[in-house]
Amino acid sequence: MGTLKVVRVTDGRLLFPFDGAEEIGPFDTREAAKSAATLRGREIVQADLRSPEL
């Protein structure tokens, strides 16, 4: 079982998981889990780019 972790490269800030973050999964296949994690990670990065918390 894996865990999604998204870290802002410029300052090392952990964007996900955060307190109260929803769980992702479980999934039936490894491919489904990787696809969902990739999509969620992209959503988190895009949201941070639109409105970064300092």
N, C-alpha and C. Protein backbone atom coordinates (compact mmCIF):
# COMPACT_ATOMS: atom_id res chain seq x y z
N MET A 1 0.85 -1.17 0.00
CA MET A 1 0.00 0.00 0.00
C MET A 1 0.89 1.23 0.00
N GLY A 2 0.60 2.16 -0.87
CA GLY A 2 1.39 3.37 -0.98
C GLY A 2 0.66 4.57 -0.42
N THR A 3 1.37 5.66 -0.30
CA THR A 3 0.81 6.90 0.19
C THR A 3 1.23 8.02 -0.74
N LEU A 4 0.27 8.86 -1.14
CA LEU A 4 0.59 10.01 -1.97
C LEU A 4 1.22 11.09 -1.11
N LYS A 5 2.32 11.64 -1.60
CA LYS A 5 3.00 12.73 -0.92
C LYS A 5 3.37 13.75 -1.99
N VAL A 6 2.94 15.00 -1.79
CA VAL A 6 3.23 16.08 -2.73
C VAL A 6 4.00 17.14 -1.97
N VAL A 7 5.21 17.43 -2.45
CA VAL A 7 6.09 18.41 -1.80
C VAL A 7 6.44 19.51 -2.79
N ARG A 8 6.28 20.76 -2.37
CA ARG A 8 6.66 21.89 -3.21
C ARG A 8 8.18 21.92 -3.32
N VAL A 9 8.69 21.89 -4.53
CA VAL A 9 10.13 21.78 -4.78
C VAL A 9 10.88 23.03 -4.31
N THR A 10 10.31 24.21 -4.53
CA THR A 10 11.03 25.45 -4.25
C THR A 10 11.37 25.65 -2.78
N ASP A 11 10.48 25.20 -1.88
CA ASP A 11 10.75 25.42 -0.46
C ASP A 11 10.60 24.17 0.40
N GLY A 12 10.26 23.05 -0.21
CA GLY A 12 10.16 21.79 0.53
C GLY A 12 8.89 21.65 1.35
N ARG A 13 7.93 22.54 1.15
CA ARG A 13 6.69 22.47 1.94
C ARG A 13 5.86 21.26 1.51
N LEU A 14 5.35 20.54 2.49
CA LEU A 14 4.48 19.39 2.24
C LEU A 14 3.09 19.90 1.92
N LEU A 15 2.62 19.63 0.70
CA LEU A 15 1.28 20.05 0.28
C LEU A 15 0.23 18.99 0.53
N PHE A 16 0.64 17.73 0.48
CA PHE A 16 -0.27 16.61 0.71
C PHE A 16 0.52 15.43 1.20
N PRO A 17 0.11 14.72 2.19
CA PRO A 17 -1.15 14.85 2.91
C PRO A 17 -1.06 15.97 3.96
N PHE A 18 -2.20 16.49 4.32
CA PHE A 18 -2.30 17.51 5.36
C PHE A 18 -3.35 17.05 6.36
N ASP A 19 -3.39 17.68 7.51
CA ASP A 19 -4.38 17.31 8.52
C ASP A 19 -5.78 17.43 7.94
N GLY A 20 -6.54 16.38 8.03
CA GLY A 20 -7.90 16.37 7.53
C GLY A 20 -8.04 15.97 6.07
N ALA A 21 -6.93 15.65 5.41
CA ALA A 21 -6.97 15.25 4.00
C ALA A 21 -7.70 13.92 3.86
N GLU A 22 -8.48 13.81 2.80
CA GLU A 22 -9.20 12.57 2.54
C GLU A 22 -8.24 11.48 2.10
N GLU A 23 -8.61 10.25 2.36
CA GLU A 23 -7.81 9.11 1.91
C GLU A 23 -8.10 8.86 0.43
N ILE A 24 -7.11 8.39 -0.29
CA ILE A 24 -7.29 8.03 -1.68
C ILE A 24 -7.31 6.50 -1.76
N GLY A 25 -8.38 5.96 -2.32
CA GLY A 25 -8.45 4.51 -2.46
C GLY A 25 -9.30 3.88 -1.40
N PRO A 26 -9.26 2.60 -1.29
CA PRO A 26 -8.39 1.62 -1.95
C PRO A 26 -8.83 1.36 -3.40
N PHE A 27 -7.95 0.77 -4.16
CA PHE A 27 -8.17 0.47 -5.57
C PHE A 27 -7.96 -1.01 -5.83
N ASP A 28 -8.58 -1.50 -6.89
CA ASP A 28 -8.49 -2.91 -7.23
C ASP A 28 -7.17 -3.28 -7.89
N THR A 29 -6.57 -2.32 -8.60
CA THR A 29 -5.33 -2.61 -9.31
C THR A 29 -4.28 -1.54 -9.03
N ARG A 30 -3.04 -1.91 -9.25
CA ARG A 30 -1.94 -0.97 -9.10
C ARG A 30 -2.08 0.19 -10.09
N GLU A 31 -2.49 -0.13 -11.30
CA GLU A 31 -2.63 0.90 -12.35
C GLU A 31 -3.70 1.92 -11.96
N ALA A 32 -4.80 1.46 -11.41
CA ALA A 32 -5.86 2.37 -10.98
C ALA A 32 -5.38 3.28 -9.85
N ALA A 33 -4.62 2.73 -8.93
CA ALA A 33 -4.08 3.51 -7.83
C ALA A 33 -3.09 4.56 -8.34
N LYS A 34 -2.21 4.17 -9.25
CA LYS A 34 -1.23 5.11 -9.80
C LYS A 34 -1.92 6.22 -10.59
N SER A 35 -2.93 5.87 -11.35
CA SER A 35 -3.68 6.85 -12.13
C SER A 35 -4.38 7.86 -11.22
N ALA A 36 -5.03 7.37 -10.18
CA ALA A 36 -5.73 8.25 -9.24
C ALA A 36 -4.74 9.15 -8.49
N ALA A 37 -3.60 8.61 -8.09
CA ALA A 37 -2.59 9.39 -7.39
C ALA A 37 -2.00 10.47 -8.30
N THR A 38 -1.77 10.12 -9.55
CA THR A 38 -1.25 11.10 -10.51
C THR A 38 -2.24 12.23 -10.71
N LEU A 39 -3.51 11.89 -10.89
CA LEU A 39 -4.54 12.90 -11.09
C LEU A 39 -4.66 13.80 -9.86
N ARG A 40 -4.72 13.21 -8.68
CA ARG A 40 -4.85 13.99 -7.44
C ARG A 40 -3.62 14.87 -7.24
N GLY A 41 -2.45 14.34 -7.51
CA GLY A 41 -1.22 15.13 -7.38
C GLY A 41 -1.22 16.33 -8.30
N ARG A 42 -1.66 16.13 -9.53
CA ARG A 42 -1.74 17.25 -10.49
C ARG A 42 -2.73 18.30 -10.01
N GLU A 43 -3.87 17.86 -9.47
CA GLU A 43 -4.86 18.80 -8.95
C GLU A 43 -4.28 19.63 -7.81
N ILE A 44 -3.53 18.99 -6.93
CA ILE A 44 -2.93 19.69 -5.80
C ILE A 44 -1.90 20.71 -6.28
N VAL A 45 -1.07 20.32 -7.22
CA VAL A 45 -0.05 21.23 -7.76
C VAL A 45 -0.70 22.41 -8.46
N GLN A 46 -1.71 22.16 -9.28
CA GLN A 46 -2.39 23.25 -9.98
C GLN A 46 -3.04 24.22 -9.00
N ALA A 47 -3.67 23.71 -7.96
CA ALA A 47 -4.28 24.55 -6.95
C ALA A 47 -3.22 25.39 -6.23
N ASP A 48 -2.08 24.80 -5.96
CA ASP A 48 -1.00 25.53 -5.30
C ASP A 48 -0.43 26.61 -6.21
N LEU A 49 -0.33 26.33 -7.49
CA LEU A 49 0.17 27.33 -8.43
C LEU A 49 -0.80 28.50 -8.55
N ARG A 50 -2.10 28.23 -8.51
CA ARG A 50 -3.10 29.29 -8.60
C ARG A 50 -3.12 30.15 -7.34
N SER A 51 -2.95 29.51 -6.19
CA SER A 51 -3.07 30.24 -4.93
C SER A 51 -2.14 29.62 -3.89
N PRO A 52 -0.85 29.95 -3.97
CA PRO A 52 0.12 29.35 -3.04
C PRO A 52 -0.03 29.92 -1.63
N GLU A 53 0.05 29.04 -0.66
CA GLU A 53 0.08 29.48 0.74
C GLU A 53 1.55 29.64 1.11
N LEU A 54 1.83 30.70 1.79
CA LEU A 54 3.23 30.97 2.17
C LEU A 54 3.50 30.53 3.57
